[in-house]
Amino acid sequence: MPQDTTLSVPCKNWLLVTPADVTALSFQILSGSVLIKCTVGENKPTNLLGAKRYGADSGELGVALSVFSPGVVGANRVYMYGEVVSKVVVSNA
C-alpha cells in the first residue's frame, strides 16, 4: 500500500513504518534520531545490531531495502527505532 505520511517514532521501541511489502523507501528525519532495520514480513527486530542510524535533517530517496539490511534476503518491511521520540516523513510505493 503506497503512503506518504508523517510518523511519530516512539523512544526505545521498534515501529513498523511500511504497512505492506515494499522494495524501496524514501524518508526524511524531521526531528530526533532513528535506527532502521528491514525484515521479511512483520517480524519485529529483536536487537539493534546492524541497524543504520539517521539523525535530524537526514534521509534517503528511493533507497532499496537491501541497503539497510544487506544480509536479509527478501526484506520487504521497514522498522524504525527512536533513540528519542522522533518525527519522520515516510514515502513508499
N, C-alpha and C. Protein backbone atom coordinates (compact mmCIF):
# COMPACT_ATOMS: atom_id res chain seq x y z
N MET A 1 0.84 -1.17 0.00
CA MET A 1 0.00 0.00 0.00
C MET A 1 0.89 1.25 0.00
N PRO A 2 0.79 2.11 -1.00
CA PRO A 2 1.59 3.33 -1.05
C PRO A 2 1.24 4.27 0.10
N GLN A 3 2.23 5.03 0.52
CA GLN A 3 1.97 6.00 1.57
C GLN A 3 2.93 7.17 1.44
N ASP A 4 2.52 8.29 1.96
CA ASP A 4 3.33 9.49 2.10
C ASP A 4 2.81 10.18 3.35
N THR A 5 3.46 9.93 4.46
CA THR A 5 2.90 10.34 5.75
C THR A 5 3.98 10.74 6.74
N THR A 6 3.59 11.49 7.75
CA THR A 6 4.48 11.85 8.85
C THR A 6 4.15 10.95 10.03
N LEU A 7 5.19 10.33 10.60
CA LEU A 7 5.01 9.41 11.71
C LEU A 7 5.77 9.88 12.94
N SER A 8 5.28 9.49 14.08
CA SER A 8 5.99 9.70 15.33
C SER A 8 6.59 8.36 15.73
N VAL A 9 7.92 8.30 15.80
CA VAL A 9 8.60 7.07 16.17
C VAL A 9 8.87 7.12 17.67
N PRO A 10 8.34 6.16 18.43
CA PRO A 10 8.50 6.21 19.89
C PRO A 10 9.94 5.98 20.33
N CYS A 11 10.24 6.45 21.51
CA CYS A 11 11.56 6.29 22.10
C CYS A 11 11.75 4.84 22.56
N LYS A 12 12.88 4.26 22.17
CA LYS A 12 13.29 2.92 22.64
C LYS A 12 12.30 1.83 22.29
N ASN A 13 11.71 1.93 21.09
CA ASN A 13 10.76 0.91 20.65
C ASN A 13 10.78 0.85 19.13
N TRP A 14 10.62 -0.34 18.57
CA TRP A 14 10.56 -0.51 17.13
C TRP A 14 9.16 -0.19 16.63
N LEU A 15 9.07 0.54 15.51
CA LEU A 15 7.80 0.88 14.87
C LEU A 15 7.84 0.41 13.42
N LEU A 16 6.84 -0.39 13.02
CA LEU A 16 6.72 -0.81 11.62
C LEU A 16 6.25 0.40 10.83
N VAL A 17 7.04 0.85 9.85
CA VAL A 17 6.70 2.07 9.11
C VAL A 17 6.20 1.80 7.70
N THR A 18 6.18 0.55 7.28
CA THR A 18 5.63 0.19 5.97
C THR A 18 4.43 -0.73 6.19
N PRO A 19 3.22 -0.30 5.80
CA PRO A 19 2.02 -1.08 6.05
C PRO A 19 1.85 -2.30 5.14
N ALA A 20 2.72 -2.43 4.14
CA ALA A 20 2.66 -3.56 3.22
C ALA A 20 4.07 -3.82 2.69
N ASP A 21 4.21 -4.85 1.88
CA ASP A 21 5.52 -5.17 1.32
C ASP A 21 6.01 -4.04 0.42
N VAL A 22 7.28 -3.69 0.57
CA VAL A 22 7.93 -2.67 -0.26
C VAL A 22 9.32 -3.16 -0.64
N THR A 23 9.89 -2.54 -1.66
CA THR A 23 11.26 -2.86 -2.05
C THR A 23 12.18 -1.66 -1.91
N ALA A 24 11.60 -0.46 -1.77
CA ALA A 24 12.40 0.76 -1.64
C ALA A 24 11.68 1.74 -0.71
N LEU A 25 12.44 2.70 -0.18
CA LEU A 25 11.89 3.63 0.79
C LEU A 25 12.52 5.00 0.62
N SER A 26 11.69 6.03 0.79
CA SER A 26 12.16 7.41 0.89
C SER A 26 11.73 7.92 2.25
N PHE A 27 12.61 8.67 2.93
CA PHE A 27 12.25 9.22 4.23
C PHE A 27 13.11 10.43 4.56
N GLN A 28 12.60 11.25 5.46
CA GLN A 28 13.32 12.43 5.97
C GLN A 28 13.08 12.48 7.47
N ILE A 29 14.14 12.58 8.25
CA ILE A 29 14.03 12.71 9.70
C ILE A 29 13.81 14.20 10.01
N LEU A 30 12.65 14.54 10.53
CA LEU A 30 12.33 15.93 10.85
C LEU A 30 12.89 16.34 12.20
N SER A 31 12.85 15.41 13.17
CA SER A 31 13.42 15.68 14.49
C SER A 31 13.79 14.37 15.15
N GLY A 32 14.75 14.43 16.06
CA GLY A 32 15.18 13.24 16.76
C GLY A 32 16.19 12.44 15.96
N SER A 33 16.29 11.16 16.27
CA SER A 33 17.18 10.26 15.55
C SER A 33 16.61 8.85 15.63
N VAL A 34 16.80 8.09 14.56
CA VAL A 34 16.25 6.74 14.48
C VAL A 34 17.29 5.76 13.98
N LEU A 35 17.05 4.51 14.30
CA LEU A 35 17.79 3.39 13.73
C LEU A 35 16.83 2.66 12.82
N ILE A 36 17.32 2.15 11.69
CA ILE A 36 16.46 1.48 10.71
C ILE A 36 16.97 0.07 10.45
N LYS A 37 16.02 -0.87 10.45
CA LYS A 37 16.30 -2.25 10.07
C LYS A 37 15.14 -2.74 9.21
N CYS A 38 15.43 -3.69 8.33
CA CYS A 38 14.41 -4.29 7.48
C CYS A 38 14.28 -5.77 7.81
N THR A 39 13.07 -6.29 7.62
CA THR A 39 12.79 -7.69 7.91
C THR A 39 11.98 -8.30 6.77
N VAL A 40 11.84 -9.61 6.83
CA VAL A 40 10.94 -10.31 5.93
C VAL A 40 9.64 -10.48 6.69
N GLY A 41 8.57 -9.86 6.20
CA GLY A 41 7.30 -9.92 6.91
C GLY A 41 7.32 -9.04 8.15
N GLU A 42 6.27 -9.16 8.94
CA GLU A 42 6.13 -8.33 10.14
C GLU A 42 6.83 -8.93 11.34
N ASN A 43 8.10 -9.26 11.18
CA ASN A 43 8.91 -9.82 12.26
C ASN A 43 9.73 -8.70 12.87
N LYS A 44 9.24 -8.16 13.99
CA LYS A 44 9.91 -7.04 14.66
C LYS A 44 11.36 -7.42 15.00
N PRO A 45 12.31 -6.52 14.71
CA PRO A 45 13.71 -6.80 15.09
C PRO A 45 13.82 -7.04 16.60
N THR A 46 14.77 -7.87 16.97
CA THR A 46 14.96 -8.21 18.38
C THR A 46 16.18 -7.54 18.99
N ASN A 47 16.95 -6.82 18.15
CA ASN A 47 18.13 -6.13 18.66
C ASN A 47 18.47 -4.97 17.74
N LEU A 48 19.50 -4.23 18.08
CA LEU A 48 19.92 -3.06 17.30
C LEU A 48 21.12 -3.34 16.41
N LEU A 49 21.66 -4.56 16.46
CA LEU A 49 22.85 -4.90 15.69
C LEU A 49 22.63 -4.69 14.20
N GLY A 50 23.53 -3.99 13.56
CA GLY A 50 23.46 -3.77 12.13
C GLY A 50 22.50 -2.68 11.68
N ALA A 51 21.79 -2.05 12.61
CA ALA A 51 20.84 -1.00 12.24
C ALA A 51 21.58 0.24 11.73
N LYS A 52 21.00 0.91 10.77
CA LYS A 52 21.56 2.16 10.22
C LYS A 52 20.97 3.33 11.00
N ARG A 53 21.84 4.27 11.40
CA ARG A 53 21.40 5.43 12.21
C ARG A 53 21.26 6.66 11.33
N TYR A 54 20.17 7.40 11.56
CA TYR A 54 19.92 8.66 10.87
C TYR A 54 19.49 9.70 11.90
N GLY A 55 20.06 10.90 11.82
CA GLY A 55 19.70 11.98 12.71
C GLY A 55 18.82 13.00 12.01
N ALA A 56 18.43 14.03 12.77
CA ALA A 56 17.57 15.09 12.23
C ALA A 56 18.16 15.69 10.96
N ASP A 57 17.29 16.02 10.03
CA ASP A 57 17.64 16.62 8.75
C ASP A 57 18.38 15.68 7.80
N SER A 58 18.35 14.39 8.08
CA SER A 58 18.95 13.43 7.15
C SER A 58 17.84 12.55 6.59
N GLY A 59 18.17 11.78 5.58
CA GLY A 59 17.19 10.89 4.99
C GLY A 59 17.73 10.24 3.74
N GLU A 60 16.87 9.57 3.02
CA GLU A 60 17.23 8.88 1.78
C GLU A 60 16.08 9.01 0.80
N LEU A 61 16.37 8.88 -0.49
CA LEU A 61 15.36 8.99 -1.53
C LEU A 61 15.38 7.73 -2.39
N GLY A 62 14.32 6.94 -2.32
CA GLY A 62 14.17 5.76 -3.16
C GLY A 62 15.24 4.71 -2.98
N VAL A 63 15.64 4.45 -1.75
CA VAL A 63 16.72 3.50 -1.48
C VAL A 63 16.17 2.08 -1.35
N ALA A 64 16.84 1.14 -2.00
CA ALA A 64 16.45 -0.27 -1.91
C ALA A 64 16.64 -0.76 -0.48
N LEU A 65 15.74 -1.62 -0.02
CA LEU A 65 15.83 -2.13 1.34
C LEU A 65 17.11 -2.89 1.60
N SER A 66 17.72 -3.44 0.58
CA SER A 66 18.98 -4.18 0.75
C SER A 66 20.10 -3.28 1.27
N VAL A 67 19.97 -1.97 1.09
CA VAL A 67 20.97 -1.03 1.61
C VAL A 67 20.92 -1.00 3.13
N PHE A 68 19.73 -1.07 3.70
CA PHE A 68 19.55 -1.01 5.15
C PHE A 68 19.91 -2.33 5.82
N SER A 69 19.59 -3.43 5.19
CA SER A 69 19.82 -4.76 5.78
C SER A 69 20.35 -5.70 4.71
N PRO A 70 21.63 -5.55 4.35
CA PRO A 70 22.18 -6.35 3.24
C PRO A 70 22.16 -7.85 3.48
N GLY A 71 22.14 -8.29 4.72
CA GLY A 71 22.14 -9.73 5.00
C GLY A 71 20.77 -10.35 5.06
N VAL A 72 19.71 -9.56 4.86
CA VAL A 72 18.35 -10.08 4.95
C VAL A 72 17.80 -10.29 3.54
N VAL A 73 17.83 -11.51 3.08
CA VAL A 73 17.35 -11.84 1.74
C VAL A 73 15.83 -11.72 1.69
N GLY A 74 15.33 -10.97 0.73
CA GLY A 74 13.88 -10.82 0.57
C GLY A 74 13.24 -9.83 1.53
N ALA A 75 14.05 -8.94 2.12
CA ALA A 75 13.50 -7.94 3.06
C ALA A 75 12.38 -7.16 2.37
N ASN A 76 11.26 -6.98 3.09
CA ASN A 76 10.12 -6.28 2.49
C ASN A 76 9.36 -5.38 3.47
N ARG A 77 9.82 -5.29 4.72
CA ARG A 77 9.21 -4.41 5.71
C ARG A 77 10.30 -3.58 6.38
N VAL A 78 9.93 -2.36 6.77
CA VAL A 78 10.90 -1.44 7.38
C VAL A 78 10.46 -1.07 8.79
N TYR A 79 11.38 -1.16 9.73
CA TYR A 79 11.16 -0.75 11.12
C TYR A 79 12.09 0.38 11.48
N MET A 80 11.59 1.31 12.28
CA MET A 80 12.42 2.39 12.82
C MET A 80 12.35 2.33 14.34
N TYR A 81 13.49 2.62 14.97
CA TYR A 81 13.64 2.62 16.42
C TYR A 81 14.08 4.01 16.84
N GLY A 82 13.29 4.67 17.64
CA GLY A 82 13.63 6.02 18.07
C GLY A 82 14.63 6.02 19.20
N GLU A 83 15.75 6.72 19.01
CA GLU A 83 16.67 6.90 20.13
C GLU A 83 16.07 7.90 21.12
N VAL A 84 15.25 8.78 20.58
CA VAL A 84 14.37 9.69 21.32
C VAL A 84 13.07 9.70 20.53
N VAL A 85 12.00 10.30 21.05
CA VAL A 85 10.78 10.41 20.26
C VAL A 85 11.15 11.23 19.00
N SER A 86 10.85 10.70 17.83
CA SER A 86 11.29 11.30 16.57
C SER A 86 10.13 11.47 15.59
N LYS A 87 10.20 12.49 14.78
CA LYS A 87 9.22 12.72 13.69
C LYS A 87 9.91 12.41 12.36
N VAL A 88 9.21 11.62 11.55
CA VAL A 88 9.78 11.17 10.29
C VAL A 88 8.72 11.23 9.19
N VAL A 89 9.10 11.73 8.02
CA VAL A 89 8.24 11.65 6.84
C VAL A 89 8.68 10.40 6.07
N VAL A 90 7.72 9.53 5.78
CA VAL A 90 7.99 8.28 5.09
C VAL A 90 7.16 8.21 3.82
N SER A 91 7.80 7.80 2.72
CA SER A 91 7.10 7.64 1.46
C SER A 91 7.57 6.34 0.79
N ASN A 92 6.62 5.57 0.34
CA ASN A 92 6.94 4.35 -0.40
C ASN A 92 5.79 4.02 -1.32
N ALA A 93 6.10 3.22 -2.33
CA ALA A 93 5.06 2.79 -3.27
C ALA A 93 4.97 1.29 -3.29
